[in-house]
Each structure stands twice: as C-alpha cells, then as structure tokens.
Amino acid sequence: MGQAIEERRKLMSFNKLRKWNDTMEALIVTQDEDGRVLSNDEIIDILLMYLNAGHESSAHSIMWILIYLKRYPQYFDKVKVRLSI
C-alpha cells in the first residue's frame, strides 16, 4: 500500500493543476502546525481505520435491524410484503 501512496504522490506532483478531491489527497497534503506531512505508515493507519469503521457501522446496523425485525414481527411482515420475500 505504501507503493500506491508513493505513486499517488508522484501523480499529484506531476499534475499540480488537477484536484483529486478525495480522502487520499486530503491525507497526502495534510500538514500540522510545523508543516510536517503524514508519513506513508500514518496514512495507511488512517485508511485502515476508515475501512474498519465503515465495516463495523454497517455490520452493527444490519444486526440491529434484524434484532428489531425479530422482536416486532408485524414490521417484519411489512418488510416481507414490500420486498416480496
């Protein structure tokens, strides 16, 4: 993954006019008060955190939906009718 970040840095320096407007660009250009940029390892850690957070929230949402549908069968029946299950 570090190589992908380096390649992205090269692309960004090659084409300074292009604005990527994505998370990777934001992480690459971010600087602290002293002008220090994030290292590749720090960027990888942040991206993995985002990936995990997105996975966990989706999994928990689905879990709670299923719990409540089991707890309230009248709503489960309405969902079944809407989805034609």
N, C-alpha and C. Protein backbone atom coordinates (compact mmCIF):
# COMPACT_ATOMS: atom_id res chain seq x y z
N MET A 1 0.82 -1.18 0.00
CA MET A 1 0.00 0.00 0.00
C MET A 1 0.87 1.25 0.00
N GLY A 2 2.03 1.16 0.63
CA GLY A 2 2.95 2.30 0.65
C GLY A 2 3.37 2.70 -0.75
N GLN A 3 3.53 1.70 -1.63
CA GLN A 3 3.92 1.99 -3.01
C GLN A 3 2.79 2.74 -3.73
N ALA A 4 1.55 2.39 -3.44
CA ALA A 4 0.41 3.08 -4.05
C ALA A 4 0.38 4.55 -3.61
N ILE A 5 0.71 4.80 -2.36
CA ILE A 5 0.74 6.18 -1.87
C ILE A 5 1.85 6.95 -2.57
N GLU A 6 3.02 6.32 -2.72
CA GLU A 6 4.13 6.98 -3.41
C GLU A 6 3.77 7.30 -4.86
N GLU A 7 3.10 6.37 -5.53
CA GLU A 7 2.68 6.61 -6.91
C GLU A 7 1.67 7.76 -6.98
N ARG A 8 0.79 7.82 -6.01
CA ARG A 8 -0.19 8.92 -5.98
C ARG A 8 0.52 10.25 -5.75
N ARG A 9 1.52 10.26 -4.87
CA ARG A 9 2.30 11.49 -4.64
C ARG A 9 2.95 11.95 -5.95
N LYS A 10 3.50 10.99 -6.72
CA LYS A 10 4.13 11.33 -8.00
C LYS A 10 3.11 11.93 -8.96
N LEU A 11 1.95 11.31 -9.05
CA LEU A 11 0.91 11.83 -9.93
C LEU A 11 0.49 13.24 -9.53
N MET A 12 0.35 13.45 -8.24
CA MET A 12 -0.06 14.77 -7.76
C MET A 12 1.00 15.82 -8.04
N SER A 13 2.28 15.46 -7.90
CA SER A 13 3.33 16.44 -8.16
C SER A 13 3.50 16.68 -9.66
N PHE A 14 3.22 15.66 -10.46
CA PHE A 14 3.32 15.79 -11.91
C PHE A 14 2.21 16.69 -12.46
N ASN A 15 1.02 16.53 -11.95
CA ASN A 15 -0.12 17.28 -12.44
C ASN A 15 -0.68 18.14 -11.32
N LYS A 16 -0.04 19.26 -11.05
CA LYS A 16 -0.42 20.13 -9.94
C LYS A 16 -1.76 20.83 -10.15
N LEU A 17 -2.22 20.92 -11.39
CA LEU A 17 -3.48 21.60 -11.67
C LEU A 17 -4.69 20.74 -11.33
N ARG A 18 -4.51 19.43 -11.34
CA ARG A 18 -5.64 18.53 -11.08
C ARG A 18 -5.93 18.48 -9.59
N LYS A 19 -7.17 18.62 -9.26
CA LYS A 19 -7.62 18.46 -7.87
C LYS A 19 -8.35 17.14 -7.78
N TRP A 20 -7.85 16.25 -6.95
CA TRP A 20 -8.43 14.92 -6.83
C TRP A 20 -9.68 14.93 -5.96
N ASN A 21 -9.68 15.79 -4.93
CA ASN A 21 -10.84 15.91 -4.04
C ASN A 21 -11.29 14.58 -3.47
N ASP A 22 -10.34 13.84 -2.93
CA ASP A 22 -10.69 12.58 -2.29
C ASP A 22 -9.90 12.44 -0.99
N THR A 23 -10.17 11.37 -0.28
CA THR A 23 -9.54 11.16 1.02
C THR A 23 -8.03 11.02 0.90
N MET A 24 -7.58 10.31 -0.12
CA MET A 24 -6.14 10.11 -0.29
C MET A 24 -5.42 11.45 -0.45
N GLU A 25 -5.96 12.33 -1.30
CA GLU A 25 -5.34 13.63 -1.49
C GLU A 25 -5.33 14.42 -0.18
N ALA A 26 -6.44 14.38 0.53
CA ALA A 26 -6.52 15.12 1.79
C ALA A 26 -5.46 14.63 2.77
N LEU A 27 -5.25 13.33 2.84
CA LEU A 27 -4.24 12.78 3.76
C LEU A 27 -2.83 13.12 3.30
N ILE A 28 -2.59 13.12 2.00
CA ILE A 28 -1.24 13.41 1.50
C ILE A 28 -0.86 14.86 1.72
N VAL A 29 -1.80 15.78 1.54
CA VAL A 29 -1.47 17.21 1.63
C VAL A 29 -1.64 17.78 3.05
N THR A 30 -2.19 17.01 3.96
CA THR A 30 -2.39 17.50 5.32
C THR A 30 -1.05 17.79 6.00
N GLN A 31 -1.00 18.94 6.69
CA GLN A 31 0.20 19.33 7.42
C GLN A 31 -0.18 19.77 8.83
N ASP A 32 0.74 19.55 9.77
CA ASP A 32 0.49 20.05 11.12
C ASP A 32 1.01 21.49 11.22
N GLU A 33 1.00 22.04 12.42
CA GLU A 33 1.40 23.43 12.62
C GLU A 33 2.85 23.70 12.20
N ASP A 34 3.68 22.66 12.27
CA ASP A 34 5.09 22.81 11.92
C ASP A 34 5.37 22.50 10.44
N GLY A 35 4.32 22.21 9.66
CA GLY A 35 4.50 21.91 8.25
C GLY A 35 4.84 20.45 7.96
N ARG A 36 4.79 19.59 8.99
CA ARG A 36 5.10 18.17 8.79
C ARG A 36 3.91 17.47 8.15
N VAL A 37 4.19 16.67 7.12
CA VAL A 37 3.14 15.90 6.45
C VAL A 37 3.08 14.50 7.04
N LEU A 38 1.99 13.82 6.79
CA LEU A 38 1.84 12.45 7.30
C LEU A 38 2.77 11.50 6.55
N SER A 39 3.32 10.55 7.27
CA SER A 39 4.15 9.52 6.64
C SER A 39 3.23 8.50 5.96
N ASN A 40 3.80 7.68 5.11
CA ASN A 40 3.01 6.62 4.45
C ASN A 40 2.36 5.71 5.48
N ASP A 41 3.11 5.36 6.53
CA ASP A 41 2.55 4.47 7.56
C ASP A 41 1.37 5.13 8.27
N GLU A 42 1.46 6.42 8.53
CA GLU A 42 0.35 7.12 9.17
C GLU A 42 -0.88 7.16 8.25
N ILE A 43 -0.64 7.38 6.97
CA ILE A 43 -1.75 7.40 6.01
C ILE A 43 -2.40 6.02 5.94
N ILE A 44 -1.59 4.97 5.90
CA ILE A 44 -2.12 3.61 5.87
C ILE A 44 -2.95 3.33 7.12
N ASP A 45 -2.46 3.73 8.29
CA ASP A 45 -3.20 3.53 9.53
C ASP A 45 -4.56 4.22 9.48
N ILE A 46 -4.59 5.45 8.98
CA ILE A 46 -5.85 6.19 8.91
C ILE A 46 -6.81 5.53 7.93
N LEU A 47 -6.30 5.11 6.77
CA LEU A 47 -7.17 4.46 5.78
C LEU A 47 -7.74 3.16 6.33
N LEU A 48 -6.92 2.39 7.04
CA LEU A 48 -7.42 1.15 7.64
C LEU A 48 -8.46 1.43 8.72
N MET A 49 -8.26 2.51 9.47
CA MET A 49 -9.24 2.89 10.48
C MET A 49 -10.57 3.24 9.81
N TYR A 50 -10.53 4.01 8.71
CA TYR A 50 -11.76 4.34 7.97
C TYR A 50 -12.45 3.07 7.46
N LEU A 51 -11.66 2.16 6.91
CA LEU A 51 -12.21 0.92 6.38
C LEU A 51 -12.89 0.12 7.48
N ASN A 52 -12.22 -0.01 8.61
CA ASN A 52 -12.78 -0.76 9.72
C ASN A 52 -14.02 -0.08 10.28
N ALA A 53 -13.97 1.23 10.42
CA ALA A 53 -15.12 1.96 10.97
C ALA A 53 -16.34 1.80 10.07
N GLY A 54 -16.15 1.87 8.76
CA GLY A 54 -17.26 1.70 7.83
C GLY A 54 -17.83 0.29 7.89
N HIS A 55 -16.96 -0.69 8.01
CA HIS A 55 -17.40 -2.08 8.09
C HIS A 55 -18.16 -2.32 9.37
N GLU A 56 -17.62 -1.85 10.47
CA GLU A 56 -18.27 -2.08 11.76
C GLU A 56 -19.64 -1.41 11.82
N SER A 57 -19.75 -0.18 11.35
CA SER A 57 -21.04 0.50 11.45
C SER A 57 -22.09 -0.19 10.59
N SER A 58 -21.71 -0.65 9.40
CA SER A 58 -22.66 -1.35 8.54
C SER A 58 -23.09 -2.67 9.19
N ALA A 59 -22.13 -3.40 9.71
CA ALA A 59 -22.45 -4.69 10.34
C ALA A 59 -23.35 -4.49 11.55
N HIS A 60 -23.07 -3.49 12.36
CA HIS A 60 -23.91 -3.24 13.53
C HIS A 60 -25.31 -2.79 13.13
N SER A 61 -25.40 -1.97 12.11
CA SER A 61 -26.72 -1.53 11.65
C SER A 61 -27.56 -2.71 11.20
N ILE A 62 -26.97 -3.57 10.41
CA ILE A 62 -27.71 -4.75 9.92
C ILE A 62 -28.11 -5.64 11.09
N MET A 63 -27.19 -5.82 12.05
CA MET A 63 -27.50 -6.65 13.20
C MET A 63 -28.72 -6.10 13.96
N TRP A 64 -28.74 -4.78 14.22
CA TRP A 64 -29.84 -4.20 14.97
C TRP A 64 -31.14 -4.23 14.18
N ILE A 65 -31.06 -4.07 12.87
CA ILE A 65 -32.26 -4.18 12.04
C ILE A 65 -32.86 -5.57 12.19
N LEU A 66 -32.02 -6.59 12.11
CA LEU A 66 -32.52 -7.97 12.24
C LEU A 66 -33.07 -8.25 13.63
N ILE A 67 -32.41 -7.73 14.66
CA ILE A 67 -32.91 -7.92 16.03
C ILE A 67 -34.29 -7.31 16.18
N TYR A 68 -34.46 -6.07 15.69
CA TYR A 68 -35.76 -5.41 15.84
C TYR A 68 -36.84 -6.04 14.96
N LEU A 69 -36.46 -6.52 13.79
CA LEU A 69 -37.46 -7.20 12.96
C LEU A 69 -37.92 -8.50 13.60
N LYS A 70 -37.03 -9.18 14.30
CA LYS A 70 -37.42 -10.41 15.01
C LYS A 70 -38.28 -10.06 16.22
N ARG A 71 -37.93 -8.98 16.90
CA ARG A 71 -38.66 -8.57 18.10
C ARG A 71 -40.07 -8.06 17.76
N TYR A 72 -40.22 -7.44 16.60
CA TYR A 72 -41.50 -6.86 16.18
C TYR A 72 -41.94 -7.48 14.85
N PRO A 73 -42.56 -8.67 14.93
CA PRO A 73 -42.90 -9.41 13.72
C PRO A 73 -43.87 -8.66 12.80
N GLN A 74 -44.68 -7.76 13.34
CA GLN A 74 -45.61 -7.01 12.49
C GLN A 74 -44.84 -6.14 11.49
N TYR A 75 -43.69 -5.63 11.89
CA TYR A 75 -42.87 -4.84 10.96
C TYR A 75 -42.13 -5.75 9.99
N PHE A 76 -41.75 -6.92 10.47
CA PHE A 76 -41.10 -7.88 9.59
C PHE A 76 -42.05 -8.28 8.46
N ASP A 77 -43.33 -8.47 8.80
CA ASP A 77 -44.33 -8.81 7.77
C ASP A 77 -44.45 -7.69 6.74
N LYS A 78 -44.40 -6.45 7.19
CA LYS A 78 -44.49 -5.32 6.26
C LYS A 78 -43.26 -5.28 5.34
N VAL A 79 -42.11 -5.57 5.90
CA VAL A 79 -40.89 -5.60 5.09
C VAL A 79 -40.98 -6.72 4.07
N LYS A 80 -41.46 -7.87 4.48
CA LYS A 80 -41.59 -9.01 3.55
C LYS A 80 -42.53 -8.65 2.40
N VAL A 81 -43.63 -8.00 2.69
CA VAL A 81 -44.58 -7.64 1.65
C VAL A 81 -43.95 -6.64 0.69
N ARG A 82 -43.24 -5.66 1.23
CA ARG A 82 -42.58 -4.65 0.38
C ARG A 82 -41.51 -5.26 -0.52
N LEU A 83 -40.77 -6.21 0.02
CA LEU A 83 -39.67 -6.82 -0.74
C LEU A 83 -40.13 -8.04 -1.53
N SER A 84 -41.36 -8.46 -1.32
CA SER A 84 -41.92 -9.66 -1.97
C SER A 84 -41.08 -10.89 -1.68
N ILE A 85 -40.78 -11.10 -0.41
CA ILE A 85 -39.98 -12.27 0.02
C ILE A 85 -40.91 -13.43 0.24
